[in-house]
């Protein structure tokens, strides 16, 4: 697995798509461009910019729920790319030490990881498949 960081969030004006670009934190600096929805892009932008809201947004709500259940978000893993669609897992650790993996869209997983100050990883096979595109 390769540790990733947010490199850029941008809008593709030609296609009207939101794009988040992750970059390897260590290693040779490969990038992982992921098309995401406008609402998820805005949730990520708000957190990156330090915008505070009066009430919890969806990703804040999920973070609070995880914490109230006595678990932590250990990490996010972007673990697959199939027919142009990325897949991710939330890796949770319960207060008893049990690891629980939850399927998630990468955009939601990244927005949650930012709020929980949790690391983001990409499987090597995903980076290799992306480099081949």
Protein backbone atom coordinates (compact mmCIF):
# COMPACT_ATOMS: atom_id res chain seq x y z
CA UNK A 1 0.00 0.00 0.00
CA UNK A 2 1.10 3.53 -0.78
CA UNK A 3 0.34 6.51 1.43
CA UNK A 4 -1.40 9.28 -0.48
CA UNK A 5 -2.13 12.96 0.08
CA UNK A 6 -4.44 15.43 -1.59
CA UNK A 7 -2.54 17.14 -4.35
CA UNK A 8 -5.28 19.09 -6.10
CA UNK A 9 -9.05 19.43 -6.42
CA UNK A 10 -10.18 20.87 -9.71
CA UNK A 11 -13.03 21.21 -12.13
CA UNK A 12 -12.69 19.96 -15.67
CA UNK A 13 -14.48 22.79 -17.49
CA UNK A 14 -14.78 20.82 -20.71
CA UNK A 15 -16.64 17.95 -19.08
CA UNK A 16 -18.05 19.71 -16.03
CA UNK A 17 -16.55 17.05 -13.76
CA UNK A 18 -14.93 17.44 -10.37
CA UNK A 19 -11.55 15.78 -10.05
CA UNK A 20 -9.54 15.03 -6.95
CA UNK A 21 -5.92 14.20 -7.54
CA UNK A 22 -4.08 12.21 -4.90
CA UNK A 23 -0.30 12.01 -4.94
CA UNK A 24 2.03 9.47 -3.37
CA UNK A 25 3.37 10.94 -0.16
CA UNK A 26 6.60 8.98 -0.41
CA UNK A 27 8.04 7.15 -3.35
CA UNK A 28 8.10 8.35 -6.91
CA UNK A 29 5.18 10.78 -6.67
CA UNK A 30 2.66 8.94 -8.81
CA UNK A 31 -0.77 10.53 -8.97
CA UNK A 32 -4.26 9.07 -8.74
CA UNK A 33 -6.95 11.18 -10.46
CA UNK A 34 -10.49 10.34 -9.34
CA UNK A 35 -13.68 11.86 -10.75
CA UNK A 36 -16.03 12.73 -7.89
CA UNK A 37 -19.40 14.37 -7.39
CA UNK A 38 -19.79 18.09 -6.89
CA UNK A 39 -21.11 17.72 -3.31
CA UNK A 40 -18.23 15.50 -2.24
CA UNK A 41 -15.74 17.88 -3.89
CA UNK A 42 -17.23 20.78 -1.97
CA UNK A 43 -17.13 18.81 1.31
CA UNK A 44 -13.44 18.11 0.74
CA UNK A 45 -12.72 21.72 -0.25
CA UNK A 46 -14.48 23.01 2.87
CA UNK A 47 -12.36 20.85 5.14
CA UNK A 48 -9.12 21.71 3.33
CA UNK A 49 -9.95 25.42 3.62
CA UNK A 50 -10.92 25.09 7.30
CA UNK A 51 -14.53 26.20 6.79
CA UNK A 52 -16.65 25.65 9.91
CA UNK A 53 -20.38 24.96 9.70
CA UNK A 54 -23.02 25.62 12.34
CA UNK A 55 -24.37 22.08 12.08
CA UNK A 56 -22.63 18.84 11.09
CA UNK A 57 -22.57 17.94 7.43
CA UNK A 58 -22.93 14.33 6.31
CA UNK A 59 -19.24 13.43 6.70
CA UNK A 60 -19.10 15.16 10.09
CA UNK A 61 -22.17 13.18 11.13
CA UNK A 62 -20.55 9.90 10.11
CA UNK A 63 -17.34 10.78 11.97
CA UNK A 64 -19.35 11.58 15.10
CA UNK A 65 -21.33 8.36 14.80
CA UNK A 66 -18.17 6.27 14.50
CA UNK A 67 -16.69 8.00 17.56
CA UNK A 68 -19.88 7.66 19.63
CA UNK A 69 -19.88 3.93 18.89
CA UNK A 70 -16.38 3.72 20.36
CA UNK A 71 -14.52 3.18 17.12
CA UNK A 72 -11.92 5.12 15.15
CA UNK A 73 -11.23 5.46 11.47
CA UNK A 74 -7.81 3.87 11.27
CA UNK A 75 -7.31 4.53 7.55
CA UNK A 76 -8.92 4.71 4.14
CA UNK A 77 -7.75 2.39 1.37
CA UNK A 78 -8.51 2.89 -2.31
CA UNK A 79 -8.37 -0.76 -3.19
CA UNK A 80 -9.76 -1.35 -6.66
CA UNK A 81 -10.38 0.12 -10.09
CA UNK A 82 -12.89 -1.73 -12.25
CA UNK A 83 -14.26 -0.45 -15.57
CA UNK A 84 -13.29 3.11 -14.71
CA UNK A 85 -14.84 3.04 -11.23
CA UNK A 86 -12.70 3.35 -8.10
CA UNK A 87 -13.56 1.48 -4.92
CA UNK A 88 -12.47 2.19 -1.35
CA UNK A 89 -12.66 0.76 2.15
CA UNK A 90 -13.00 2.46 5.50
CA UNK A 91 -10.84 0.56 7.99
CA UNK A 92 -12.38 1.03 11.42
CA UNK A 93 -10.98 -0.11 14.76
CA UNK A 94 -13.51 -0.84 17.50
CA UNK A 95 -12.82 -0.17 21.17
CA UNK A 96 -12.32 -3.93 21.61
CA UNK A 97 -9.55 -3.84 18.98
CA UNK A 98 -11.51 -5.55 16.21
CA UNK A 99 -10.89 -4.31 12.66
CA UNK A 100 -14.00 -3.66 10.57
CA UNK A 101 -13.88 -2.86 6.86
CA UNK A 102 -16.71 -0.92 5.25
CA UNK A 103 -17.18 -0.44 1.50
CA UNK A 104 -17.26 3.24 0.48
CA UNK A 105 -16.99 5.54 -2.49
CA UNK A 106 -13.49 7.05 -2.58
CA UNK A 107 -14.88 10.60 -2.46
CA UNK A 108 -16.82 9.93 0.75
CA UNK A 109 -13.91 8.00 2.22
CA UNK A 110 -11.50 10.87 1.53
CA UNK A 111 -13.89 13.48 2.96
CA UNK A 112 -14.25 11.37 6.11
CA UNK A 113 -10.50 10.72 6.39
CA UNK A 114 -9.82 14.46 6.33
CA UNK A 115 -12.29 15.04 9.15
CA UNK A 116 -10.88 12.17 11.22
CA UNK A 117 -7.23 13.06 10.47
CA UNK A 118 -6.79 9.52 9.16
CA UNK A 119 -4.31 8.47 6.48
CA UNK A 120 -5.32 7.65 2.92
CA UNK A 121 -3.69 4.73 1.10
CA UNK A 122 -3.91 3.30 -2.42
CA UNK A 123 -3.18 -0.29 -3.31
CA UNK A 124 -0.26 -0.76 -5.69
CA UNK A 125 -2.52 -2.47 -8.25
CA UNK A 126 -4.71 0.66 -8.40
CA UNK A 127 -1.74 2.94 -9.00
CA UNK A 128 -0.41 0.56 -11.65
CA UNK A 129 -3.78 0.36 -13.43
CA UNK A 130 -4.11 4.16 -13.37
CA UNK A 131 -0.60 4.63 -14.77
CA UNK A 132 -1.52 2.31 -17.64
CA UNK A 133 -4.50 4.47 -18.71
